[in-house]
Amino acid sequence: MRVVVVDDQEMMRSAFRTILEASGLEVVGEAASGDEALRVVEHLRPDVVVMDVRMPGGDGLSATREIVAAVPSARVLVLTTFDLDEYVYGALQSGAAGFLLKNAAPEELVAAVRAVGAGDSVLDPRVTGRVMARVTRRRQLSEASGALATLTEREKDVLALLARGLSNTELAAALEVTEATAKTHVSHVLTKLGVRDRVQAVIYAYETGFVDDRDGVGRS
């Protein structure tokens, strides 16, 4: 798995490189700005881009949108802090595969990069609710309208669990089904909502008011 690390601080890039390479991941390039990131990614075609948000010379949101459009095979993992929640939502809208807090443990970063590189999505449950609460307060749509009305009760349960950041393994345990069955349920939810991945499904759940931002519980 080939990774590009984007951060305006050289010390942070060095730290991320050390952590990732110690776990067997190949860091093929670095960039110190959003503008530089696009050039590096277009040249190196990595599997995963670990993206900072606030940088001079092109921010991470714009860079994410441009990278997703120019190199669709490159999956972007955005790093954030609690005081930058509004940027995370923008990054997800731009096509990021997920986000992680910058103070995550090294093993969490490695696991997130591997998951994103494998085609999964990563939503840090410690910040998901805070990011989406702002959206929920702005846009309350009726569950009875749109694609939500097509979900079965079990699929609504799945969507509520996705909004809490559960993995397929955790979904299976919560629903008391096999992991294969959990994956099938997730696939059905994504198809019915017309979204491309788990991240977009979570955004949809919060935007429509299906999930209560205070406790992450789906409304019936």
C-alpha atoms as a PDB file:
ATOM      1  CA  MET A   1       0.000   0.000   0.000  1.00  0.00           C
ATOM      2  CA  ARG A   2       1.521   3.300  -1.172  1.00  0.00           C
ATOM      3  CA  VAL A   3       0.912   6.453   0.872  1.00  0.00           C
ATOM      4  CA  VAL A   4       1.483  10.181   0.421  1.00  0.00           C
ATOM      5  CA  VAL A   5       1.590  12.331   3.575  1.00  0.00           C
ATOM      6  CA  VAL A   6       0.407  15.954   3.355  1.00  0.00           C
ATOM      7  CA  ASP A   7       1.087  18.375   6.220  1.00  0.00           C
ATOM      8  CA  ASP A   8       2.647  21.829   6.325  1.00  0.00           C
ATOM      9  CA  GLN A   9       4.758  20.899   9.360  1.00  0.00           C
ATOM     10  CA  GLU A  10       7.869  18.904   8.522  1.00  0.00           C
ATOM     11  CA  MET A  11       7.956  17.397  12.013  1.00  0.00           C
ATOM     12  CA  MET A  12       4.419  16.017  11.587  1.00  0.00           C
ATOM     13  CA  ARG A  13       5.229  14.558   8.171  1.00  0.00           C
ATOM     14  CA  SER A  14       8.315  12.894   9.609  1.00  0.00           C
ATOM     15  CA  ALA A  15       6.333  11.469  12.523  1.00  0.00           C
ATOM     16  CA  PHE A  16       3.617  10.085  10.252  1.00  0.00           C
ATOM     17  CA  ARG A  17       6.204   8.589   7.917  1.00  0.00           C
ATOM     18  CA  THR A  18       7.962   6.855  10.815  1.00  0.00           C
ATOM     19  CA  ILE A  19       4.709   5.428  12.182  1.00  0.00           C
ATOM     20  CA  LEU A  20       3.462   4.191   8.814  1.00  0.00           C
ATOM     21  CA  GLU A  21       6.749   2.731   7.595  1.00  0.00           C
ATOM     22  CA  ALA A  22       7.287   0.946  10.918  1.00  0.00           C
ATOM     23  CA  SER A  23       4.031  -0.885  10.203  1.00  0.00           C
ATOM     24  CA  GLY A  24       5.065  -1.980   6.736  1.00  0.00           C
ATOM     25  CA  LEU A  25       3.319   0.754   4.752  1.00  0.00           C
ATOM     26  CA  GLU A  26       5.264   2.486   1.983  1.00  0.00           C
ATOM     27  CA  VAL A  27       5.355   6.288   2.159  1.00  0.00           C
ATOM     28  CA  VAL A  28       6.199   7.215  -1.409  1.00  0.00           C
ATOM     29  CA  GLY A  29       5.942  10.988  -1.115  1.00  0.00           C
ATOM     30  CA  GLU A  30       5.219  14.067   0.960  1.00  0.00           C
ATOM     31  CA  ALA A  31       3.700  17.498   0.375  1.00  0.00           C
ATOM     32  CA  ALA A  32       3.565  20.657   2.479  1.00  0.00           C
ATOM     33  CA  SER A  33       0.484  22.282   0.908  1.00  0.00           C
ATOM     34  CA  GLY A  34      -2.699  21.459  -0.921  1.00  0.00           C
ATOM     35  CA  ASP A  35      -1.345  22.695  -4.232  1.00  0.00           C
ATOM     36  CA  GLU A  36       1.799  20.612  -3.879  1.00  0.00           C
ATOM     37  CA  ALA A  37      -0.285  17.612  -2.798  1.00  0.00           C
ATOM     38  CA  LEU A  38      -2.199  17.548  -6.079  1.00  0.00           C
ATOM     39  CA  ARG A  39       1.015  17.588  -8.108  1.00  0.00           C
ATOM     40  CA  VAL A  40       2.600  14.852  -5.989  1.00  0.00           C
ATOM     41  CA  VAL A  41      -0.485  12.623  -6.106  1.00  0.00           C
ATOM     42  CA  GLU A  42      -0.907  13.031  -9.863  1.00  0.00           C
ATOM     43  CA  HIS A  43       2.741  12.038 -10.323  1.00  0.00           C
ATOM     44  CA  LEU A  44       2.998   9.174  -7.819  1.00  0.00           C
ATOM     45  CA  ARG A  45      -0.567   7.753  -7.941  1.00  0.00           C
ATOM     46  CA  PRO A  46      -0.630   6.507  -4.305  1.00  0.00           C
ATOM     47  CA  ASP A  47      -3.339   4.331  -2.799  1.00  0.00           C
ATOM     48  CA  VAL A  48      -3.923   6.617   0.196  1.00  0.00           C
ATOM     49  CA  VAL A  49      -3.349  10.310   0.915  1.00  0.00           C
ATOM     50  CA  VAL A  50      -3.087  11.328   4.571  1.00  0.00           C
ATOM     51  CA  MET A  51      -4.316  14.934   4.395  1.00  0.00           C
ATOM     52  CA  ASP A  52      -3.981  17.820   6.840  1.00  0.00           C
ATOM     53  CA  VAL A  53      -6.758  20.427   6.699  1.00  0.00           C
ATOM     54  CA  ARG A  54      -5.328  23.878   7.299  1.00  0.00           C
ATOM     55  CA  MET A  55      -2.223  24.653   5.286  1.00  0.00           C
ATOM     56  CA  PRO A  56      -0.808  27.649   3.459  1.00  0.00           C
ATOM     57  CA  GLY A  57      -0.617  27.399  -0.308  1.00  0.00           C
ATOM     58  CA  GLY A  58      -3.859  25.487  -0.776  1.00  0.00           C
ATOM     59  CA  ASP A  59      -5.945  23.972   2.027  1.00  0.00           C
ATOM     60  CA  GLY A  60      -6.790  20.315   2.517  1.00  0.00           C
ATOM     61  CA  LEU A  61     -10.451  20.710   1.523  1.00  0.00           C
ATOM     62  CA  SER A  62      -9.686  22.098  -1.919  1.00  0.00           C
ATOM     63  CA  ALA A  63      -6.874  19.599  -2.361  1.00  0.00           C
ATOM     64  CA  THR A  64      -9.162  16.695  -1.448  1.00  0.00           C
ATOM     65  CA  ARG A  65     -11.757  17.767  -3.996  1.00  0.00           C
ATOM     66  CA  GLU A  66      -9.128  18.175  -6.717  1.00  0.00           C
ATOM     67  CA  ILE A  67      -7.375  14.887  -5.925  1.00  0.00           C
ATOM     68  CA  VAL A  68     -10.623  12.903  -5.928  1.00  0.00           C
ATOM     69  CA  ALA A  69     -11.490  14.394  -9.315  1.00  0.00           C
ATOM     70  CA  ALA A  70      -8.021  13.988 -10.846  1.00  0.00           C
ATOM     71  CA  VAL A  71      -6.978  10.647  -9.329  1.00  0.00           C
ATOM     72  CA  PRO A  72     -10.120   8.707  -8.316  1.00  0.00           C
ATOM     73  CA  SER A  73      -8.059   5.691  -7.259  1.00  0.00           C
ATOM     74  CA  ALA A  74      -6.364   7.721  -4.512  1.00  0.00           C
ATOM     75  CA  ARG A  75      -8.332   7.561  -1.271  1.00  0.00           C
ATOM     76  CA  VAL A  76      -8.048  10.559   1.057  1.00  0.00           C
ATOM     77  CA  LEU A  77      -7.925  10.248   4.849  1.00  0.00           C
ATOM     78  CA  VAL A  78      -8.355  13.664   6.472  1.00  0.00           C
ATOM     79  CA  LEU A  79      -6.789  14.442   9.842  1.00  0.00           C
ATOM     80  CA  THR A  80      -8.468  17.005  12.079  1.00  0.00           C
ATOM     81  CA  THR A  81      -8.724  18.418  15.582  1.00  0.00           C
ATOM     82  CA  PHE A  82     -11.846  19.126  17.631  1.00  0.00           C
ATOM     83  CA  ASP A  83     -11.697  22.859  16.935  1.00  0.00           C
ATOM     84  CA  LEU A  84     -11.795  22.261  13.174  1.00  0.00           C
ATOM     85  CA  ASP A  85     -14.999  20.240  12.951  1.00  0.00           C
ATOM     86  CA  GLU A  86     -16.516  22.441  10.266  1.00  0.00           C
ATOM     87  CA  TYR A  87     -13.635  21.626   7.951  1.00  0.00           C
ATOM     88  CA  VAL A  88     -14.210  17.895   8.349  1.00  0.00           C
ATOM     89  CA  TYR A  89     -17.747  18.086   6.994  1.00  0.00           C
ATOM     90  CA  GLY A  90     -16.467  20.076   4.032  1.00  0.00           C
ATOM     91  CA  ALA A  91     -13.766  17.484   3.424  1.00  0.00           C
ATOM     92  CA  LEU A  92     -16.284  14.639   3.412  1.00  0.00           C
ATOM     93  CA  GLN A  93     -18.451  16.531   0.973  1.00  0.00           C
ATOM     94  CA  SER A  94     -15.365  16.903  -1.202  1.00  0.00           C
ATOM     95  CA  GLY A  95     -14.974  13.139  -1.395  1.00  0.00           C
ATOM     96  CA  ALA A  96     -12.679  12.149   1.468  1.00  0.00           C
ATOM     97  CA  ALA A  97     -12.894   8.495   2.440  1.00  0.00           C
ATOM     98  CA  GLY A  98     -12.902   9.414   6.116  1.00  0.00           C
ATOM     99  CA  PHE A  99     -11.352  11.375   8.910  1.00  0.00           C
ATOM    100  CA  LEU A 100      -9.355  10.797  12.070  1.00  0.00           C
ATOM    101  CA  LEU A 101      -8.348  12.994  14.970  1.00  0.00           C
ATOM    102  CA  LYS A 102      -4.774  14.198  14.773  1.00  0.00           C
ATOM    103  CA  ASN A 103      -4.108  13.030  18.326  1.00  0.00           C
ATOM    104  CA  ALA A 104      -5.085   9.444  17.501  1.00  0.00           C
ATOM    105  CA  ALA A 105      -2.769   6.714  18.709  1.00  0.00           C
ATOM    106  CA  PRO A 106      -0.207   5.443  16.166  1.00  0.00           C
ATOM    107  CA  GLU A 107      -2.012   2.116  15.827  1.00  0.00           C
ATOM    108  CA  GLU A 108      -5.266   3.971  15.058  1.00  0.00           C
ATOM    109  CA  LEU A 109      -3.587   5.905  12.266  1.00  0.00           C
ATOM    110  CA  VAL A 110      -2.131   2.735  10.768  1.00  0.00           C
ATOM    111  CA  ALA A 111      -5.477   0.921  10.996  1.00  0.00           C
ATOM    112  CA  ALA A 112      -7.271   3.875   9.395  1.00  0.00           C
ATOM    113  CA  VAL A 113      -4.816   4.052   6.489  1.00  0.00           C
ATOM    114  CA  ARG A 114      -5.110   0.312   5.893  1.00  0.00           C
ATOM    115  CA  ALA A 115      -8.910   0.457   6.030  1.00  0.00           C
ATOM    116  CA  VAL A 116      -9.135   3.386   3.620  1.00  0.00           C
ATOM    117  CA  GLY A 117      -6.633   1.737   1.287  1.00  0.00           C
ATOM    118  CA  ALA A 118      -8.731  -1.419   1.296  1.00  0.00           C
ATOM    119  CA  GLY A 119     -11.766   0.546   0.136  1.00  0.00           C
ATOM    120  CA  ASP A 120     -13.465   1.021   3.487  1.00  0.00           C
ATOM    121  CA  SER A 121     -14.372   4.311   5.142  1.00  0.00           C
ATOM    122  CA  VAL A 122     -13.145   5.606   8.488  1.00  0.00           C
ATOM    123  CA  LEU A 123     -15.228   7.799  10.789  1.00  0.00           C
ATOM    124  CA  ASP A 124     -13.697   8.697  14.126  1.00  0.00           C
ATOM    125  CA  PRO A 125     -16.609   8.274  16.579  1.00  0.00           C
ATOM    126  CA  ARG A 126     -15.045  10.859  18.898  1.00  0.00           C
ATOM    127  CA  VAL A 127     -15.788  13.637  16.449  1.00  0.00           C
ATOM    128  CA  THR A 128     -18.580  12.341  14.194  1.00  0.00           C
ATOM    129  CA  GLY A 129     -21.435  13.702  16.301  1.00  0.00           C
ATOM    130  CA  ARG A 130     -19.836  17.111  16.689  1.00  0.00           C
ATOM    131  CA  VAL A 131     -19.261  17.451  12.966  1.00  0.00           C
ATOM    132  CA  MET A 132     -22.774  16.466  11.993  1.00  0.00           C
ATOM    133  CA  ALA A 133     -24.686  18.237  14.795  1.00  0.00           C
ATOM    134  CA  ARG A 134     -24.192  21.543  13.009  1.00  0.00           C
ATOM    135  CA  VAL A 135     -25.692  20.086   9.858  1.00  0.00           C
ATOM    136  CA  THR A 136     -28.630  18.554  11.699  1.00  0.00           C
ATOM    137  CA  ARG A 137     -29.595  21.866  13.242  1.00  0.00           C
ATOM    138  CA  ARG A 138     -29.535  23.538   9.828  1.00  0.00           C
ATOM    139  CA  ARG A 139     -31.408  20.956   7.833  1.00  0.00           C
ATOM    140  CA  GLN A 140     -34.230  18.928   9.352  1.00  0.00           C
ATOM    141  CA  LEU A 141     -36.007  16.881   6.695  1.00  0.00           C
ATOM    142  CA  SER A 142     -38.822  14.434   7.260  1.00  0.00           C
ATOM    143  CA  GLU A 143     -37.833  10.760   7.419  1.00  0.00           C
ATOM    144  CA  ALA A 144     -41.022   9.936   5.551  1.00  0.00           C
ATOM    145  CA  SER A 145     -39.703  11.669   2.450  1.00  0.00           C
ATOM    146  CA  GLY A 146     -37.048  10.597   0.026  1.00  0.00           C
ATOM    147  CA  ALA A 147     -34.916   7.508   0.104  1.00  0.00           C
ATOM    148  CA  LEU A 148     -35.175   6.953   3.862  1.00  0.00           C
ATOM    149  CA  ALA A 149     -38.759   5.826   3.400  1.00  0.00           C
ATOM    150  CA  THR A 150     -37.538   2.896   1.282  1.00  0.00           C
ATOM    151  CA  LEU A 151     -35.397   1.395   4.066  1.00  0.00           C
ATOM    152  CA  THR A 152     -36.633  -1.615   5.998  1.00  0.00           C
ATOM    153  CA  GLU A 153     -36.576  -1.503   9.810  1.00  0.00           C
ATOM    154  CA  ARG A 154     -33.402  -3.601   9.834  1.00  0.00           C
ATOM    155  CA  GLU A 155     -31.773  -1.270   7.302  1.00  0.00           C
ATOM    156  CA  LYS A 156     -32.679   1.698   9.494  1.00  0.00           C
ATOM    157  CA  ASP A 157     -30.944  -0.041  12.380  1.00  0.00           C
ATOM    158  CA  VAL A 158     -27.889  -0.494  10.155  1.00  0.00           C
ATOM    159  CA  LEU A 159     -27.878   3.187   9.184  1.00  0.00           C
ATOM    160  CA  ALA A 160     -28.088   4.242  12.832  1.00  0.00           C
ATOM    161  CA  LEU A 161     -25.142   1.988  13.692  1.00  0.00           C
ATOM    162  CA  LEU A 162     -23.133   3.307  10.739  1.00  0.00           C
ATOM    163  CA  ALA A 163     -23.680   6.813  12.095  1.00  0.00           C
ATOM    164  CA  ARG A 164     -21.987   5.700  15.311  1.00  0.00           C
ATOM    165  CA  GLY A 165     -18.866   4.749  13.359  1.00  0.00           C
ATOM    166  CA  LEU A 166     -19.194   0.961  13.705  1.00  0.00           C
ATOM    167  CA  SER A 167     -17.131  -1.306  11.464  1.00  0.00           C
ATOM    168  CA  ASN A 168     -18.637  -4.301   9.641  1.00  0.00           C
ATOM    169  CA  THR A 169     -17.403  -6.598  12.408  1.00  0.00           C
ATOM    170  CA  GLU A 170     -19.007  -4.417  15.076  1.00  0.00           C
ATOM    171  CA  LEU A 171     -22.195  -4.160  13.022  1.00  0.00           C
ATOM    172  CA  ALA A 172     -22.400  -7.919  12.810  1.00  0.00           C
ATOM    173  CA  ALA A 173     -21.999  -8.253  16.575  1.00  0.00           C
ATOM    174  CA  ALA A 174     -24.600  -5.578  17.305  1.00  0.00           C
ATOM    175  CA  LEU A 175     -27.117  -7.125  14.906  1.00  0.00           C
ATOM    176  CA  GLU A 176     -26.214 -10.702  15.887  1.00  0.00           C
ATOM    177  CA  VAL A 177     -25.597 -11.714  12.278  1.00  0.00           C
ATOM    178  CA  THR A 178     -22.563 -12.851  10.295  1.00  0.00           C
ATOM    179  CA  GLU A 179     -20.161 -10.269   8.937  1.00  0.00           C
ATOM    180  CA  ALA A 180     -21.167 -11.244   5.396  1.00  0.00           C
ATOM    181  CA  THR A 181     -24.803 -10.508   6.226  1.00  0.00           C
ATOM    182  CA  ALA A 182     -23.821  -7.183   7.797  1.00  0.00           C
ATOM    183  CA  LYS A 183     -21.955  -6.240   4.609  1.00  0.00           C
ATOM    184  CA  THR A 184     -25.039  -7.134   2.570  1.00  0.00           C
ATOM    185  CA  HIS A 185     -27.223  -4.898   4.747  1.00  0.00           C
ATOM    186  CA  VAL A 186     -24.745  -2.031   4.349  1.00  0.00           C
ATOM    187  CA  SER A 187     -24.713  -2.508   0.583  1.00  0.00           C
ATOM    188  CA  HIS A 188     -28.519  -2.372   0.459  1.00  0.00           C
ATOM    189  CA  VAL A 189     -28.556   0.826   2.531  1.00  0.00           C
ATOM    190  CA  LEU A 190     -26.001   2.516   0.279  1.00  0.00           C
ATOM    191  CA  THR A 191     -27.922   1.507  -2.841  1.00  0.00           C
ATOM    192  CA  LYS A 192     -31.291   2.705  -1.548  1.00  0.00           C
ATOM    193  CA  LEU A 193     -29.894   6.027  -0.346  1.00  0.00           C
ATOM    194  CA  GLY A 194     -28.024   6.535  -3.594  1.00  0.00           C
ATOM    195  CA  VAL A 195     -24.703   7.218  -1.860  1.00  0.00           C
ATOM    196  CA  ARG A 196     -21.266   5.943  -2.827  1.00  0.00           C
ATOM    197  CA  ASP A 197     -19.912   4.805   0.547  1.00  0.00           C
ATOM    198  CA  ARG A 198     -20.397   4.614   4.320  1.00  0.00           C
ATOM    199  CA  VAL A 199     -19.196   8.178   4.862  1.00  0.00           C
ATOM    200  CA  GLN A 200     -21.850   9.584   2.560  1.00  0.00           C
ATOM    201  CA  ALA A 201     -24.485   7.413   4.250  1.00  0.00           C
ATOM    202  CA  VAL A 202     -23.593   8.933   7.616  1.00  0.00           C
ATOM    203  CA  ILE A 203     -23.762  12.455   6.186  1.00  0.00           C
ATOM    204  CA  TYR A 204     -27.193  11.610   4.756  1.00  0.00           C
ATOM    205  CA  ALA A 205     -28.374  10.288   8.124  1.00  0.00           C
ATOM    206  CA  TYR A 206     -27.416  13.480   9.936  1.00  0.00           C
ATOM    207  CA  GLU A 207     -28.562  15.867   7.208  1.00  0.00           C
ATOM    208  CA  THR A 208     -32.059  14.391   7.169  1.00  0.00           C
ATOM    209  CA  GLY A 209     -32.378  14.364  10.938  1.00  0.00           C
ATOM    210  CA  PHE A 210     -32.618  10.562  10.944  1.00  0.00           C
ATOM    211  CA  VAL A 211     -29.903  10.502  13.611  1.00  0.00           C
ATOM    212  CA  ASP A 212     -30.166  12.564  16.784  1.00  0.00           C
ATOM    213  CA  ASP A 213     -26.863  14.446  17.131  1.00  0.00           C
ATOM    214  CA  ARG A 214     -26.996  14.139  20.913  1.00  0.00           C
ATOM    215  CA  ASP A 215     -26.910  10.374  21.155  1.00  0.00           C
ATOM    216  CA  GLY A 216     -26.485   9.019  17.641  1.00  0.00           C
ATOM    217  CA  VAL A 217     -29.783   7.130  17.843  1.00  0.00           C
ATOM    218  CA  GLY A 218     -31.861   6.686  14.709  1.00  0.00           C
ATOM    219  CA  ARG A 219     -35.392   8.026  14.857  1.00  0.00           C
ATOM    220  CA  SER A 220     -38.206   5.651  14.073  1.00  0.00           C
END
